[in-house]
C-alpha cells in the first residue's frame, strides 16, 4: 500500500471533486470484491447544446464499436444505449485491471420536438456526434407587423 500526503482542497468545489473521486473509486472496487459488475457506476460523458436550428450532443464512447451503439428519439427524448466489451482474460491472470465491460443507457429530455428524419450521427475517434434538427414548428420565426 502506498501512502501519499493529503493535500487539502482550496475550495468547496474542489472538496466535492475529491469526494467524488473517492466514491467513484470505492464502489466499483467493492462491487468487484463482491463479484458484482462495476459498470453500473459508469456512464458516457455527454455535452448537449443548442442553436436556433438544432440540438447537438457529443458523447465520449471510446472503445465502443459502432454496431454496439443504439440511438433512438421518441417523445422529445434522446436515448443512447450501448456496450463496450473488454478483453476476456482469466481473472487470476491479471496483474492490474481498470477496464471492464460497460453497458450504458443514457436519456436526454429535449426542450422541443425534433425532425427525426433529419437526425445525423457520426462516430469518430471515440466521440459520438449527434445533430438533431428542430422541427420547423418549434423554430423561432420573425413575425411581420403591419401598420394602418
N, C-alpha and C. Protein backbone atom coordinates (compact mmCIF):
# COMPACT_ATOMS: atom_id res chain seq x y z
N UNK A 1 0.85 -1.18 0.00
CA UNK A 1 0.00 0.00 0.00
C UNK A 1 0.89 1.23 0.00
N UNK A 2 0.57 2.18 -0.86
CA UNK A 2 1.34 3.42 -0.94
C UNK A 2 0.58 4.53 -0.23
N UNK A 3 1.29 5.32 0.50
CA UNK A 3 0.68 6.47 1.18
C UNK A 3 1.16 7.74 0.50
N UNK A 4 0.25 8.67 0.34
CA UNK A 4 0.62 9.97 -0.20
C UNK A 4 0.12 11.03 0.77
N UNK A 5 0.82 12.14 0.76
CA UNK A 5 0.45 13.24 1.64
C UNK A 5 -0.88 13.83 1.18
N UNK A 6 -1.79 14.03 2.12
CA UNK A 6 -3.09 14.61 1.80
C UNK A 6 -2.91 16.10 1.53
N UNK A 7 -3.45 16.54 0.41
CA UNK A 7 -3.40 17.95 0.06
C UNK A 7 -4.81 18.51 0.22
N UNK A 8 -4.97 19.43 1.14
CA UNK A 8 -6.30 19.96 1.43
C UNK A 8 -6.83 20.76 0.24
N UNK A 9 -8.08 20.48 -0.19
CA UNK A 9 -8.67 21.25 -1.29
C UNK A 9 -8.80 22.72 -0.91
N UNK A 10 -8.66 23.58 -1.92
CA UNK A 10 -8.70 25.01 -1.68
C UNK A 10 -10.11 25.59 -1.64
N UNK A 11 -11.06 24.93 -2.29
CA UNK A 11 -12.42 25.44 -2.32
C UNK A 11 -13.40 24.32 -2.01
N UNK A 12 -14.65 24.68 -1.75
CA UNK A 12 -15.69 23.69 -1.52
C UNK A 12 -15.88 22.82 -2.75
N UNK A 13 -15.81 23.44 -3.93
CA UNK A 13 -15.95 22.70 -5.19
C UNK A 13 -14.84 21.66 -5.33
N UNK A 14 -13.63 22.05 -5.00
CA UNK A 14 -12.51 21.11 -5.07
C UNK A 14 -12.72 19.97 -4.08
N UNK A 15 -13.24 20.29 -2.89
CA UNK A 15 -13.53 19.26 -1.90
C UNK A 15 -14.56 18.29 -2.45
N UNK A 16 -15.59 18.79 -3.12
CA UNK A 16 -16.61 17.93 -3.73
C UNK A 16 -16.00 17.03 -4.79
N UNK A 17 -15.08 17.57 -5.59
CA UNK A 17 -14.41 16.76 -6.60
C UNK A 17 -13.60 15.65 -5.96
N UNK A 18 -12.92 15.96 -4.84
CA UNK A 18 -12.15 14.94 -4.14
C UNK A 18 -13.06 13.84 -3.61
N UNK A 19 -14.22 14.22 -3.08
CA UNK A 19 -15.17 13.23 -2.56
C UNK A 19 -15.70 12.36 -3.71
N UNK A 20 -16.01 12.98 -4.85
CA UNK A 20 -16.49 12.22 -6.00
C UNK A 20 -15.44 11.21 -6.45
N UNK A 21 -14.18 11.64 -6.52
CA UNK A 21 -13.11 10.72 -6.91
C UNK A 21 -13.00 9.56 -5.94
N UNK A 22 -13.13 9.85 -4.65
CA UNK A 22 -13.06 8.80 -3.64
C UNK A 22 -14.17 7.77 -3.85
N UNK A 23 -15.43 8.24 -3.96
CA UNK A 23 -16.55 7.31 -4.08
C UNK A 23 -16.59 6.63 -5.44
N UNK A 24 -16.18 7.33 -6.50
CA UNK A 24 -16.14 6.70 -7.82
C UNK A 24 -15.18 5.51 -7.81
N UNK A 25 -14.11 5.62 -7.06
CA UNK A 25 -13.15 4.53 -6.99
C UNK A 25 -13.55 3.46 -5.98
N UNK A 26 -14.29 3.84 -4.95
CA UNK A 26 -14.63 2.91 -3.88
C UNK A 26 -15.70 1.91 -4.29
N UNK A 27 -16.82 2.38 -4.85
CA UNK A 27 -17.93 1.47 -5.12
C UNK A 27 -17.61 0.42 -6.18
N UNK A 28 -16.98 0.76 -7.30
CA UNK A 28 -16.62 -0.31 -8.23
C UNK A 28 -15.65 -1.31 -7.60
N UNK A 29 -14.75 -0.84 -6.75
CA UNK A 29 -13.81 -1.74 -6.08
C UNK A 29 -14.58 -2.71 -5.18
N UNK A 30 -15.52 -2.20 -4.40
CA UNK A 30 -16.31 -3.06 -3.53
C UNK A 30 -17.14 -4.05 -4.35
N UNK A 31 -17.74 -3.58 -5.44
CA UNK A 31 -18.53 -4.46 -6.29
C UNK A 31 -17.68 -5.59 -6.85
N UNK A 32 -16.48 -5.28 -7.31
CA UNK A 32 -15.61 -6.32 -7.86
C UNK A 32 -15.27 -7.35 -6.79
N UNK A 33 -15.00 -6.88 -5.58
CA UNK A 33 -14.65 -7.81 -4.49
C UNK A 33 -15.84 -8.68 -4.11
N UNK A 34 -17.06 -8.14 -4.30
CA UNK A 34 -18.27 -8.91 -4.00
C UNK A 34 -18.74 -9.71 -5.21
N UNK A 35 -18.02 -9.60 -6.32
CA UNK A 35 -18.37 -10.36 -7.51
C UNK A 35 -19.47 -9.74 -8.35
N UNK A 36 -19.79 -8.47 -8.10
CA UNK A 36 -20.82 -7.79 -8.88
C UNK A 36 -20.16 -6.94 -9.96
N UNK A 37 -20.94 -6.59 -10.96
CA UNK A 37 -20.43 -5.77 -12.06
C UNK A 37 -20.22 -4.34 -11.59
N UNK A 38 -19.11 -3.74 -12.04
CA UNK A 38 -18.82 -2.35 -11.68
C UNK A 38 -19.38 -1.38 -12.68
N UNK A 39 -19.97 -1.88 -13.77
CA UNK A 39 -20.32 -0.99 -14.86
C UNK A 39 -21.51 -0.09 -14.56
N UNK A 40 -22.28 -0.35 -13.52
CA UNK A 40 -23.46 0.48 -13.29
C UNK A 40 -23.11 1.89 -12.80
N UNK A 41 -21.86 2.12 -12.43
CA UNK A 41 -21.45 3.42 -11.96
C UNK A 41 -20.87 4.29 -13.08
N UNK A 42 -20.75 3.71 -14.27
CA UNK A 42 -20.09 4.42 -15.35
C UNK A 42 -21.11 4.77 -16.43
N UNK A 43 -21.06 5.97 -16.89
CA UNK A 43 -21.92 6.41 -17.97
C UNK A 43 -21.07 7.17 -18.98
N UNK A 44 -21.38 7.15 -20.25
CA UNK A 44 -20.59 8.01 -21.14
C UNK A 44 -20.88 9.47 -20.81
N UNK A 45 -19.84 10.26 -20.85
CA UNK A 45 -19.99 11.69 -20.58
C UNK A 45 -20.63 12.35 -21.78
N UNK A 46 -21.57 13.25 -21.52
CA UNK A 46 -22.32 13.92 -22.58
C UNK A 46 -22.18 15.43 -22.48
N UNK A 47 -22.15 16.09 -23.62
CA UNK A 47 -22.33 17.54 -23.71
C UNK A 47 -23.53 17.76 -24.62
N UNK A 48 -24.42 18.66 -24.22
CA UNK A 48 -25.62 18.96 -25.00
C UNK A 48 -25.72 20.48 -25.12
N UNK A 49 -25.95 20.98 -26.33
CA UNK A 49 -26.13 22.41 -26.54
C UNK A 49 -27.08 22.62 -27.71
N UNK A 50 -27.46 23.86 -27.94
CA UNK A 50 -28.44 24.16 -28.99
C UNK A 50 -28.13 25.49 -29.64
N UNK A 51 -28.60 25.62 -30.87
CA UNK A 51 -28.64 26.92 -31.53
C UNK A 51 -30.07 27.07 -32.07
N UNK A 52 -30.31 28.05 -32.94
CA UNK A 52 -31.67 28.28 -33.43
C UNK A 52 -32.20 27.14 -34.28
N UNK A 53 -31.31 26.35 -34.89
CA UNK A 53 -31.73 25.33 -35.84
C UNK A 53 -31.73 23.90 -35.30
N UNK A 54 -30.90 23.60 -34.30
CA UNK A 54 -30.75 22.20 -33.89
C UNK A 54 -30.23 22.08 -32.47
N UNK A 55 -30.36 20.86 -31.96
CA UNK A 55 -29.72 20.45 -30.70
C UNK A 55 -28.51 19.61 -31.09
N UNK A 56 -27.46 19.67 -30.28
CA UNK A 56 -26.24 18.92 -30.56
C UNK A 56 -25.87 18.14 -29.31
N UNK A 57 -25.41 16.92 -29.52
CA UNK A 57 -24.98 16.07 -28.42
C UNK A 57 -23.64 15.45 -28.82
N UNK A 58 -22.69 15.49 -27.90
CA UNK A 58 -21.44 14.77 -28.07
C UNK A 58 -21.28 13.85 -26.87
N UNK A 59 -20.97 12.60 -27.16
CA UNK A 59 -20.78 11.60 -26.11
C UNK A 59 -19.43 10.94 -26.29
N UNK A 60 -18.70 10.79 -25.20
CA UNK A 60 -17.43 10.08 -25.24
C UNK A 60 -17.72 8.60 -25.05
N UNK A 61 -17.45 7.81 -26.09
CA UNK A 61 -17.69 6.37 -26.05
C UNK A 61 -16.46 5.60 -26.55
N UNK A 62 -15.27 5.89 -26.03
CA UNK A 62 -14.07 5.20 -26.53
C UNK A 62 -14.16 3.71 -26.31
N UNK A 63 -13.69 2.96 -27.29
CA UNK A 63 -13.68 1.50 -27.19
C UNK A 63 -15.01 0.86 -27.50
N UNK A 64 -16.03 1.66 -27.87
CA UNK A 64 -17.35 1.12 -28.21
C UNK A 64 -17.45 1.00 -29.72
N UNK A 65 -17.76 -0.20 -30.19
CA UNK A 65 -17.91 -0.43 -31.62
C UNK A 65 -19.22 0.16 -32.12
N UNK A 66 -19.22 0.60 -33.36
CA UNK A 66 -20.41 1.20 -33.97
C UNK A 66 -21.63 0.29 -33.84
N UNK A 67 -21.44 -1.01 -34.07
CA UNK A 67 -22.57 -1.94 -34.01
C UNK A 67 -23.08 -2.17 -32.59
N UNK A 68 -22.35 -1.71 -31.58
CA UNK A 68 -22.79 -1.85 -30.19
C UNK A 68 -23.48 -0.60 -29.66
N UNK A 69 -23.76 0.37 -30.53
CA UNK A 69 -24.46 1.59 -30.14
C UNK A 69 -25.89 1.56 -30.67
N UNK A 70 -26.81 2.09 -29.88
CA UNK A 70 -28.22 2.21 -30.28
C UNK A 70 -28.70 3.61 -29.94
N UNK A 71 -29.22 4.29 -30.93
CA UNK A 71 -29.64 5.68 -30.77
C UNK A 71 -31.09 5.80 -31.24
N UNK A 72 -31.97 6.31 -30.36
CA UNK A 72 -33.37 6.49 -30.72
C UNK A 72 -33.88 7.82 -30.18
N UNK A 73 -34.93 8.34 -30.82
CA UNK A 73 -35.61 9.55 -30.36
C UNK A 73 -37.10 9.24 -30.34
N UNK A 74 -37.72 9.56 -29.19
CA UNK A 74 -39.16 9.36 -29.05
C UNK A 74 -39.68 10.31 -27.99
N UNK A 75 -40.78 11.01 -28.30
CA UNK A 75 -41.42 11.92 -27.35
C UNK A 75 -40.44 12.92 -26.73
N UNK A 76 -39.69 13.61 -27.58
CA UNK A 76 -38.73 14.62 -27.15
C UNK A 76 -37.64 14.07 -26.24
N UNK A 77 -37.32 12.79 -26.36
CA UNK A 77 -36.28 12.19 -25.54
C UNK A 77 -35.30 11.43 -26.44
N UNK A 78 -34.02 11.76 -26.28
CA UNK A 78 -32.96 11.06 -26.98
C UNK A 78 -32.45 9.95 -26.07
N UNK A 79 -32.33 8.75 -26.61
CA UNK A 79 -31.82 7.61 -25.84
C UNK A 79 -30.57 7.08 -26.53
N UNK A 80 -29.48 7.01 -25.77
CA UNK A 80 -28.23 6.44 -26.24
C UNK A 80 -27.90 5.24 -25.36
N UNK A 81 -27.89 4.08 -25.98
CA UNK A 81 -27.58 2.85 -25.25
C UNK A 81 -26.43 2.16 -25.97
N UNK A 82 -25.68 1.37 -25.23
CA UNK A 82 -24.59 0.66 -25.87
C UNK A 82 -23.84 -0.23 -24.93
N UNK A 83 -22.80 -0.83 -25.49
CA UNK A 83 -21.98 -1.76 -24.73
C UNK A 83 -20.54 -1.63 -25.21
N UNK A 84 -19.64 -1.62 -24.25
CA UNK A 84 -18.22 -1.66 -24.55
C UNK A 84 -17.67 -2.95 -23.95
N UNK A 85 -17.08 -3.77 -24.79
CA UNK A 85 -16.55 -5.05 -24.32
C UNK A 85 -15.09 -4.90 -23.94
N UNK A 86 -14.71 -5.62 -22.93
CA UNK A 86 -13.30 -5.66 -22.51
C UNK A 86 -12.72 -7.00 -22.94
N UNK A 87 -11.42 -7.06 -23.03
CA UNK A 87 -10.74 -8.30 -23.37
C UNK A 87 -11.00 -9.33 -22.27
N UNK A 88 -11.38 -10.52 -22.69
CA UNK A 88 -11.66 -11.57 -21.71
C UNK A 88 -10.37 -12.34 -21.38
N UNK A 89 -9.98 -12.27 -20.13
CA UNK A 89 -8.80 -12.97 -19.63
C UNK A 89 -9.21 -13.58 -18.29
N UNK A 90 -8.68 -14.74 -17.98
CA UNK A 90 -8.97 -15.34 -16.67
C UNK A 90 -8.60 -14.35 -15.57
N UNK A 91 -9.49 -14.19 -14.61
CA UNK A 91 -9.32 -13.20 -13.55
C UNK A 91 -7.99 -13.36 -12.81
N UNK A 92 -7.55 -14.58 -12.61
CA UNK A 92 -6.31 -14.81 -11.86
C UNK A 92 -5.06 -14.50 -12.68
N UNK A 93 -5.20 -14.20 -13.96
CA UNK A 93 -4.05 -13.88 -14.81
C UNK A 93 -3.72 -12.38 -14.80
N UNK A 94 -4.67 -11.56 -14.35
CA UNK A 94 -4.46 -10.11 -14.36
C UNK A 94 -3.42 -9.70 -13.32
N UNK A 95 -2.55 -8.80 -13.72
CA UNK A 95 -1.65 -8.16 -12.79
C UNK A 95 -2.23 -6.83 -12.33
N UNK A 96 -2.96 -6.17 -13.23
CA UNK A 96 -3.61 -4.90 -12.95
C UNK A 96 -4.79 -4.77 -13.91
N UNK A 97 -5.92 -4.29 -13.42
CA UNK A 97 -7.08 -4.18 -14.30
C UNK A 97 -7.90 -2.95 -13.97
N UNK A 98 -8.17 -2.13 -14.98
CA UNK A 98 -9.02 -0.95 -14.84
C UNK A 98 -10.16 -0.95 -15.85
N UNK A 99 -10.06 -1.74 -16.91
CA UNK A 99 -11.07 -1.76 -17.96
C UNK A 99 -12.01 -2.94 -17.76
N UNK A 100 -13.30 -2.65 -17.75
CA UNK A 100 -14.32 -3.66 -17.57
C UNK A 100 -15.38 -3.51 -18.66
N UNK A 101 -16.16 -4.57 -18.85
CA UNK A 101 -17.28 -4.45 -19.77
C UNK A 101 -18.23 -3.38 -19.23
N UNK A 102 -18.75 -2.59 -20.12
CA UNK A 102 -19.61 -1.48 -19.73
C UNK A 102 -20.87 -1.50 -20.57
N UNK A 103 -22.02 -1.50 -19.94
CA UNK A 103 -23.29 -1.31 -20.62
C UNK A 103 -23.87 -0.01 -20.10
N UNK A 104 -24.39 0.80 -21.02
CA UNK A 104 -24.92 2.09 -20.61
C UNK A 104 -26.24 2.37 -21.30
N UNK A 105 -27.01 3.25 -20.69
CA UNK A 105 -28.30 3.67 -21.23
C UNK A 105 -28.55 5.09 -20.74
N UNK A 106 -28.27 6.06 -21.59
CA UNK A 106 -28.44 7.46 -21.24
C UNK A 106 -29.66 8.01 -21.94
N UNK A 107 -30.40 8.88 -21.26
CA UNK A 107 -31.57 9.53 -21.83
C UNK A 107 -31.47 11.02 -21.58
N UNK A 108 -31.77 11.79 -22.63
CA UNK A 108 -31.72 13.25 -22.54
C UNK A 108 -33.07 13.79 -22.99
N UNK A 109 -33.72 14.53 -22.12
CA UNK A 109 -35.00 15.15 -22.46
C UNK A 109 -34.71 16.42 -23.26
N UNK A 110 -35.31 16.52 -24.44
CA UNK A 110 -35.11 17.69 -25.30
C UNK A 110 -36.21 18.71 -25.05
N UNK A 111 -35.89 20.00 -25.10
CA UNK A 111 -36.89 21.04 -24.80
C UNK A 111 -38.03 21.12 -25.81
N UNK A 112 -37.82 20.65 -27.04
CA UNK A 112 -38.88 20.73 -28.06
C UNK A 112 -38.72 19.58 -29.04
N UNK A 113 -39.71 19.43 -29.90
CA UNK A 113 -39.70 18.37 -30.91
C UNK A 113 -38.55 18.56 -31.89
N UNK A 114 -38.08 17.43 -32.43
CA UNK A 114 -37.03 17.44 -33.44
C UNK A 114 -37.55 16.78 -34.71
N UNK A 115 -36.87 17.05 -35.80
CA UNK A 115 -37.20 16.45 -37.08
C UNK A 115 -36.47 15.11 -37.18
N UNK A 116 -37.13 14.03 -36.77
CA UNK A 116 -36.49 12.72 -36.63
C UNK A 116 -35.87 12.23 -37.94
N UNK A 117 -36.48 12.52 -39.06
CA UNK A 117 -35.95 12.01 -40.33
C UNK A 117 -34.68 12.72 -40.77
N UNK A 118 -34.30 13.82 -40.11
CA UNK A 118 -33.10 14.57 -40.49
C UNK A 118 -31.98 14.49 -39.45
N UNK A 119 -32.13 13.62 -38.46
CA UNK A 119 -31.10 13.47 -37.43
C UNK A 119 -29.85 12.86 -38.05
N UNK A 120 -28.69 13.40 -37.68
CA UNK A 120 -27.41 12.90 -38.16
C UNK A 120 -26.57 12.47 -36.97
N UNK A 121 -25.88 11.34 -37.11
CA UNK A 121 -24.99 10.86 -36.05
C UNK A 121 -23.73 10.30 -36.68
N UNK A 122 -22.59 10.59 -36.04
CA UNK A 122 -21.30 10.14 -36.56
C UNK A 122 -20.40 9.75 -35.40
N UNK A 123 -19.72 8.62 -35.56
CA UNK A 123 -18.77 8.16 -34.56
C UNK A 123 -17.37 8.30 -35.14
N UNK A 124 -16.53 9.07 -34.46
CA UNK A 124 -15.16 9.28 -34.92
C UNK A 124 -14.24 9.42 -33.72
N UNK A 125 -13.19 8.61 -33.69
CA UNK A 125 -12.17 8.67 -32.63
C UNK A 125 -12.78 8.58 -31.23
N UNK A 126 -13.79 7.73 -31.06
CA UNK A 126 -14.39 7.53 -29.74
C UNK A 126 -15.37 8.60 -29.32
N UNK A 127 -15.70 9.55 -30.21
CA UNK A 127 -16.65 10.60 -29.90
C UNK A 127 -17.86 10.44 -30.82
N UNK A 128 -19.04 10.30 -30.23
CA UNK A 128 -20.28 10.23 -30.99
C UNK A 128 -20.86 11.64 -31.06
N UNK A 129 -21.03 12.14 -32.29
CA UNK A 129 -21.59 13.48 -32.50
C UNK A 129 -22.97 13.33 -33.13
N UNK A 130 -23.95 13.98 -32.50
CA UNK A 130 -25.34 13.87 -32.95
C UNK A 130 -25.89 15.26 -33.19
N UNK A 131 -26.53 15.44 -34.35
CA UNK A 131 -27.22 16.69 -34.67
C UNK A 131 -28.69 16.38 -34.82
N UNK A 132 -29.52 17.05 -34.02
CA UNK A 132 -30.96 16.83 -34.02
C UNK A 132 -31.64 18.12 -34.45
N UNK A 133 -31.99 18.26 -35.74
CA UNK A 133 -32.62 19.49 -36.20
C UNK A 133 -33.97 19.71 -35.51
N UNK A 134 -34.22 20.92 -35.12
CA UNK A 134 -35.51 21.26 -34.51
C UNK A 134 -36.61 21.15 -35.55
N UNK A 135 -37.78 20.73 -35.11
CA UNK A 135 -38.93 20.67 -36.01
C UNK A 135 -39.28 22.10 -36.44
N UNK A 136 -39.71 22.24 -37.68
CA UNK A 136 -39.99 23.58 -38.23
C UNK A 136 -40.94 24.39 -37.35
N UNK A 137 -41.96 23.74 -36.80
CA UNK A 137 -42.94 24.49 -36.00
C UNK A 137 -42.38 24.98 -34.66
N UNK A 138 -41.22 24.50 -34.25
CA UNK A 138 -40.64 24.96 -32.98
C UNK A 138 -39.54 25.99 -33.16
N UNK A 139 -39.13 26.24 -34.41
CA UNK A 139 -38.06 27.22 -34.64
C UNK A 139 -38.61 28.63 -34.46
N UNK A 140 -37.78 29.54 -33.96
CA UNK A 140 -38.21 30.93 -33.83
C UNK A 140 -38.52 31.53 -35.20
N UNK A 141 -39.56 32.32 -35.27
CA UNK A 141 -39.94 32.97 -36.52
C UNK A 141 -40.09 34.46 -36.30
N UNK A 142 -39.71 35.18 -37.31
CA UNK A 142 -39.92 36.63 -37.28
C UNK A 142 -41.34 36.89 -37.79
N UNK A 143 -42.06 37.68 -37.03
CA UNK A 143 -43.44 38.00 -37.42
C UNK A 143 -43.48 39.44 -37.87
N UNK A 144 -44.02 39.61 -39.08
CA UNK A 144 -44.13 40.95 -39.64
C UNK A 144 -45.35 41.66 -39.06
N UNK A 145 -45.13 42.88 -38.61
CA UNK A 145 -46.23 43.68 -38.05
C UNK A 145 -46.64 44.70 -39.09
N UNK A 146 -47.90 44.68 -39.44
CA UNK A 146 -48.42 45.64 -40.43
C UNK A 146 -48.99 46.84 -39.70
N UNK A 147 -48.79 47.99 -40.29
CA UNK A 147 -49.35 49.22 -39.71
C UNK A 147 -50.58 49.65 -40.48
N UNK A 148 -51.44 50.47 -39.86
CA UNK A 148 -52.63 51.02 -40.51
C UNK A 148 -52.55 52.52 -40.57
